[in-house]
Amino acid sequence: MAVQVLIRRKIVKEKVNEVANLMVDLRSLARAQPGYLSSESLKCIDPPGDEDYLIRSTWQSHEDWKRWLHSKERKAIQNKIDDLTQERTEYNVYEVLVGGIFPK
């Protein structure tokens, strides 16, 4: 079953360009991974001035996501991002509810 992964980062203005380049590298590598379906990057605009960024990534299965999450290639780039932001990246994985119906 497909999963949505929400990835949250705080990025100060001075580091946005450097981090953005690394995020492009991550997305390029992710696209070649088994089970990758799509992703999009969002910047918080309300409240204004917030340094919050959200990446929504869709994977065919939780196992596909975990394989990518623990890959050496992803970890190497993620470590560079964390060094630049001095913040811990947060990950939350959600399963898609069929027809919007909550499981019992």
N, C-alpha and C. Protein backbone atom coordinates (compact mmCIF):
# COMPACT_ATOMS: atom_id res chain seq x y z
N MET A 1 0.84 -1.18 0.00
CA MET A 1 0.00 0.00 0.00
C MET A 1 0.89 1.25 0.00
N ALA A 2 0.51 2.23 -0.78
CA ALA A 2 1.30 3.46 -0.90
C ALA A 2 1.35 4.20 0.43
N VAL A 3 2.49 4.88 0.65
CA VAL A 3 2.65 5.71 1.84
C VAL A 3 3.09 7.11 1.42
N GLN A 4 2.70 8.06 2.25
CA GLN A 4 3.14 9.44 2.10
C GLN A 4 4.12 9.72 3.22
N VAL A 5 5.25 10.30 2.87
CA VAL A 5 6.26 10.65 3.86
C VAL A 5 6.34 12.17 3.90
N LEU A 6 6.16 12.72 5.11
CA LEU A 6 6.30 14.17 5.30
C LEU A 6 7.63 14.41 5.97
N ILE A 7 8.46 15.21 5.30
CA ILE A 7 9.81 15.51 5.77
C ILE A 7 9.85 17.00 6.08
N ARG A 8 10.16 17.33 7.32
CA ARG A 8 10.13 18.73 7.77
C ARG A 8 11.54 19.20 8.11
N ARG A 9 11.87 20.38 7.56
CA ARG A 9 13.18 20.98 7.83
C ARG A 9 13.02 22.46 8.14
N LYS A 10 13.87 22.95 9.04
CA LYS A 10 13.98 24.38 9.30
C LYS A 10 15.27 24.83 8.61
N ILE A 11 15.15 25.85 7.74
CA ILE A 11 16.33 26.30 6.99
C ILE A 11 16.39 27.82 7.06
N VAL A 12 17.45 28.36 7.65
CA VAL A 12 17.61 29.81 7.71
C VAL A 12 17.94 30.36 6.32
N LYS A 13 17.54 31.61 6.08
CA LYS A 13 17.69 32.22 4.76
C LYS A 13 19.10 32.11 4.21
N GLU A 14 20.09 32.28 5.05
CA GLU A 14 21.48 32.28 4.60
C GLU A 14 21.92 30.92 4.06
N LYS A 15 21.20 29.87 4.39
CA LYS A 15 21.60 28.52 3.98
C LYS A 15 20.67 27.92 2.93
N VAL A 16 19.62 28.64 2.54
CA VAL A 16 18.60 28.08 1.65
C VAL A 16 19.20 27.58 0.33
N ASN A 17 20.05 28.37 -0.31
CA ASN A 17 20.59 27.96 -1.62
C ASN A 17 21.44 26.70 -1.51
N GLU A 18 22.27 26.63 -0.48
CA GLU A 18 23.11 25.44 -0.30
C GLU A 18 22.26 24.19 -0.05
N VAL A 19 21.27 24.35 0.83
CA VAL A 19 20.40 23.22 1.15
C VAL A 19 19.56 22.84 -0.06
N ALA A 20 19.08 23.82 -0.80
CA ALA A 20 18.26 23.54 -1.99
C ALA A 20 19.03 22.68 -2.99
N ASN A 21 20.29 22.97 -3.19
CA ASN A 21 21.11 22.17 -4.10
C ASN A 21 21.21 20.72 -3.63
N LEU A 22 21.36 20.53 -2.33
CA LEU A 22 21.43 19.18 -1.78
C LEU A 22 20.08 18.47 -1.88
N MET A 23 19.00 19.22 -1.72
CA MET A 23 17.67 18.63 -1.85
C MET A 23 17.40 18.18 -3.29
N VAL A 24 17.91 18.93 -4.25
CA VAL A 24 17.79 18.53 -5.66
C VAL A 24 18.56 17.22 -5.87
N ASP A 25 19.75 17.13 -5.28
CA ASP A 25 20.53 15.89 -5.37
C ASP A 25 19.76 14.71 -4.77
N LEU A 26 19.14 14.94 -3.61
CA LEU A 26 18.37 13.88 -2.97
C LEU A 26 17.21 13.42 -3.85
N ARG A 27 16.49 14.39 -4.41
CA ARG A 27 15.33 14.03 -5.24
C ARG A 27 15.78 13.27 -6.49
N SER A 28 16.88 13.69 -7.08
CA SER A 28 17.39 12.99 -8.26
C SER A 28 17.72 11.54 -7.94
N LEU A 29 18.36 11.31 -6.82
CA LEU A 29 18.68 9.95 -6.41
C LEU A 29 17.41 9.17 -6.06
N ALA A 30 16.48 9.81 -5.38
CA ALA A 30 15.24 9.14 -4.96
C ALA A 30 14.45 8.66 -6.17
N ARG A 31 14.43 9.46 -7.23
CA ARG A 31 13.66 9.09 -8.43
C ARG A 31 14.12 7.77 -9.03
N ALA A 32 15.35 7.40 -8.80
CA ALA A 32 15.88 6.15 -9.34
C ALA A 32 15.65 4.96 -8.40
N GLN A 33 15.04 5.20 -7.25
CA GLN A 33 14.86 4.14 -6.27
C GLN A 33 13.61 3.32 -6.55
N PRO A 34 13.67 2.01 -6.33
CA PRO A 34 12.47 1.18 -6.48
C PRO A 34 11.38 1.67 -5.52
N GLY A 35 10.18 1.85 -6.04
CA GLY A 35 9.05 2.24 -5.21
C GLY A 35 8.80 3.73 -5.12
N TYR A 36 9.73 4.55 -5.61
CA TYR A 36 9.51 6.01 -5.57
C TYR A 36 8.41 6.35 -6.56
N LEU A 37 7.44 7.17 -6.13
CA LEU A 37 6.36 7.59 -7.01
C LEU A 37 6.41 9.08 -7.33
N SER A 38 6.56 9.92 -6.30
CA SER A 38 6.57 11.36 -6.55
C SER A 38 6.99 12.11 -5.29
N SER A 39 7.23 13.41 -5.45
CA SER A 39 7.49 14.27 -4.29
C SER A 39 7.29 15.72 -4.69
N GLU A 40 7.09 16.54 -3.68
CA GLU A 40 7.00 17.98 -3.90
C GLU A 40 7.55 18.67 -2.67
N SER A 41 8.09 19.86 -2.88
CA SER A 41 8.67 20.65 -1.79
C SER A 41 7.82 21.88 -1.56
N LEU A 42 7.58 22.18 -0.28
CA LEU A 42 6.73 23.31 0.10
C LEU A 42 7.46 24.19 1.11
N LYS A 43 7.22 25.50 1.01
CA LYS A 43 7.77 26.45 1.98
C LYS A 43 6.60 27.08 2.72
N CYS A 44 6.70 27.16 4.03
CA CYS A 44 5.66 27.78 4.84
C CYS A 44 5.61 29.28 4.55
N ILE A 45 4.42 29.79 4.24
CA ILE A 45 4.28 31.23 4.00
C ILE A 45 3.38 31.91 5.04
N ASP A 46 2.72 31.11 5.87
CA ASP A 46 1.87 31.67 6.92
C ASP A 46 2.06 30.84 8.17
N PRO A 47 2.74 31.34 9.17
CA PRO A 47 3.08 32.74 9.35
C PRO A 47 4.26 33.18 8.48
N PRO A 48 4.21 34.45 8.05
CA PRO A 48 5.31 34.99 7.23
C PRO A 48 6.64 34.91 7.98
N GLY A 49 7.70 34.67 7.22
CA GLY A 49 9.03 34.64 7.82
C GLY A 49 9.39 33.32 8.47
N ASP A 50 8.46 32.38 8.47
CA ASP A 50 8.76 31.06 9.04
C ASP A 50 9.81 30.38 8.17
N GLU A 51 10.71 29.66 8.77
CA GLU A 51 11.79 28.99 8.06
C GLU A 51 11.49 27.51 7.86
N ASP A 52 10.22 27.15 7.86
CA ASP A 52 9.78 25.77 7.79
C ASP A 52 9.59 25.32 6.34
N TYR A 53 10.15 24.17 6.01
CA TYR A 53 10.00 23.57 4.69
C TYR A 53 9.44 22.17 4.87
N LEU A 54 8.57 21.76 3.96
CA LEU A 54 7.95 20.46 4.03
C LEU A 54 8.10 19.77 2.68
N ILE A 55 8.55 18.54 2.71
CA ILE A 55 8.65 17.74 1.50
C ILE A 55 7.65 16.60 1.65
N ARG A 56 6.80 16.45 0.66
CA ARG A 56 5.84 15.34 0.64
C ARG A 56 6.32 14.36 -0.41
N SER A 57 6.60 13.16 0.03
CA SER A 57 7.15 12.14 -0.84
C SER A 57 6.23 10.92 -0.82
N THR A 58 5.93 10.37 -1.99
CA THR A 58 5.04 9.23 -2.09
C THR A 58 5.82 8.00 -2.56
N TRP A 59 5.62 6.90 -1.84
CA TRP A 59 6.31 5.65 -2.12
C TRP A 59 5.30 4.53 -2.24
N GLN A 60 5.62 3.52 -3.05
CA GLN A 60 4.71 2.38 -3.24
C GLN A 60 4.45 1.64 -1.95
N SER A 61 5.46 1.56 -1.08
CA SER A 61 5.28 0.83 0.18
C SER A 61 6.19 1.45 1.26
N HIS A 62 5.84 1.12 2.49
CA HIS A 62 6.67 1.56 3.62
C HIS A 62 8.06 0.95 3.53
N GLU A 63 8.13 -0.27 3.05
CA GLU A 63 9.44 -0.94 2.90
C GLU A 63 10.32 -0.22 1.88
N ASP A 64 9.71 0.23 0.77
CA ASP A 64 10.47 0.99 -0.23
C ASP A 64 11.04 2.26 0.40
N TRP A 65 10.21 2.96 1.17
CA TRP A 65 10.68 4.19 1.84
C TRP A 65 11.82 3.86 2.81
N LYS A 66 11.65 2.85 3.64
CA LYS A 66 12.67 2.52 4.63
C LYS A 66 13.99 2.15 3.97
N ARG A 67 13.91 1.44 2.86
CA ARG A 67 15.14 1.08 2.13
C ARG A 67 15.87 2.35 1.70
N TRP A 68 15.15 3.33 1.17
CA TRP A 68 15.75 4.60 0.76
C TRP A 68 16.24 5.39 1.97
N LEU A 69 15.43 5.43 3.04
CA LEU A 69 15.80 6.17 4.25
C LEU A 69 17.14 5.69 4.80
N HIS A 70 17.38 4.41 4.75
CA HIS A 70 18.60 3.84 5.35
C HIS A 70 19.75 3.65 4.35
N SER A 71 19.56 4.12 3.12
CA SER A 71 20.62 3.95 2.11
C SER A 71 21.81 4.87 2.40
N LYS A 72 22.99 4.39 2.05
CA LYS A 72 24.22 5.17 2.27
C LYS A 72 24.20 6.48 1.49
N GLU A 73 23.68 6.44 0.24
CA GLU A 73 23.66 7.64 -0.61
C GLU A 73 22.80 8.74 0.02
N ARG A 74 21.61 8.35 0.51
CA ARG A 74 20.72 9.33 1.11
C ARG A 74 21.31 9.87 2.41
N LYS A 75 21.84 9.00 3.23
CA LYS A 75 22.41 9.41 4.52
C LYS A 75 23.56 10.39 4.33
N ALA A 76 24.40 10.18 3.32
CA ALA A 76 25.54 11.07 3.09
C ALA A 76 25.06 12.49 2.79
N ILE A 77 24.05 12.61 1.95
CA ILE A 77 23.53 13.95 1.62
C ILE A 77 22.76 14.52 2.80
N GLN A 78 21.98 13.68 3.48
CA GLN A 78 21.21 14.15 4.63
C GLN A 78 22.13 14.69 5.73
N ASN A 79 23.26 14.05 5.93
CA ASN A 79 24.22 14.54 6.93
C ASN A 79 24.73 15.93 6.57
N LYS A 80 24.94 16.19 5.29
CA LYS A 80 25.37 17.53 4.86
C LYS A 80 24.28 18.55 5.12
N ILE A 81 23.03 18.17 4.86
CA ILE A 81 21.91 19.08 5.12
C ILE A 81 21.82 19.39 6.61
N ASP A 82 21.89 18.36 7.44
CA ASP A 82 21.82 18.57 8.90
C ASP A 82 22.97 19.44 9.40
N ASP A 83 24.15 19.27 8.83
CA ASP A 83 25.29 20.11 9.21
C ASP A 83 25.03 21.57 8.86
N LEU A 84 24.44 21.82 7.70
CA LEU A 84 24.15 23.19 7.28
C LEU A 84 23.04 23.82 8.10
N THR A 85 21.99 23.06 8.37
CA THR A 85 20.83 23.63 9.06
C THR A 85 20.99 23.65 10.57
N GLN A 86 21.87 22.81 11.08
CA GLN A 86 22.03 22.65 12.53
C GLN A 86 20.70 22.29 13.20
N GLU A 87 19.85 21.63 12.43
CA GLU A 87 18.55 21.17 12.91
C GLU A 87 18.39 19.71 12.52
N ARG A 88 17.61 19.00 13.27
CA ARG A 88 17.30 17.62 12.95
C ARG A 88 16.12 17.59 11.99
N THR A 89 16.26 16.86 10.91
CA THR A 89 15.16 16.68 9.96
C THR A 89 14.16 15.71 10.58
N GLU A 90 12.87 16.06 10.45
CA GLU A 90 11.81 15.21 11.01
C GLU A 90 11.12 14.44 9.90
N TYR A 91 10.80 13.18 10.18
CA TYR A 91 10.13 12.31 9.21
C TYR A 91 8.87 11.73 9.85
N ASN A 92 7.77 11.78 9.11
CA ASN A 92 6.54 11.12 9.52
C ASN A 92 6.00 10.37 8.31
N VAL A 93 5.62 9.11 8.52
CA VAL A 93 5.11 8.27 7.44
C VAL A 93 3.62 8.03 7.67
N TYR A 94 2.83 8.23 6.61
CA TYR A 94 1.38 8.07 6.69
C TYR A 94 0.93 7.08 5.63
N GLU A 95 -0.06 6.26 6.01
CA GLU A 95 -0.66 5.39 5.01
C GLU A 95 -1.89 6.08 4.45
N VAL A 96 -2.19 5.78 3.20
CA VAL A 96 -3.34 6.35 2.54
C VAL A 96 -4.59 5.61 3.01
N LEU A 97 -5.61 6.35 3.41
CA LEU A 97 -6.88 5.73 3.82
C LEU A 97 -7.72 5.49 2.57
N VAL A 98 -8.13 4.28 2.39
CA VAL A 98 -8.93 3.93 1.21
C VAL A 98 -10.28 4.62 1.31
N GLY A 99 -10.55 5.49 0.34
CA GLY A 99 -11.83 6.20 0.33
C GLY A 99 -12.01 7.13 1.50
N GLY A 100 -10.94 7.48 2.20
CA GLY A 100 -11.05 8.37 3.35
C GLY A 100 -11.67 7.73 4.57
N ILE A 101 -11.78 6.40 4.56
CA ILE A 101 -12.42 5.69 5.65
C ILE A 101 -11.37 5.26 6.67
N PHE A 102 -11.61 5.58 7.93
CA PHE A 102 -10.69 5.23 8.99
C PHE A 102 -10.79 3.75 9.31
N PRO A 103 -9.68 3.07 9.49
CA PRO A 103 -9.72 1.65 9.85
C PRO A 103 -10.25 1.49 11.28
N LYS A 104 -10.87 0.37 11.54
CA LYS A 104 -11.43 0.10 12.89
C LYS A 104 -10.36 -0.39 13.81
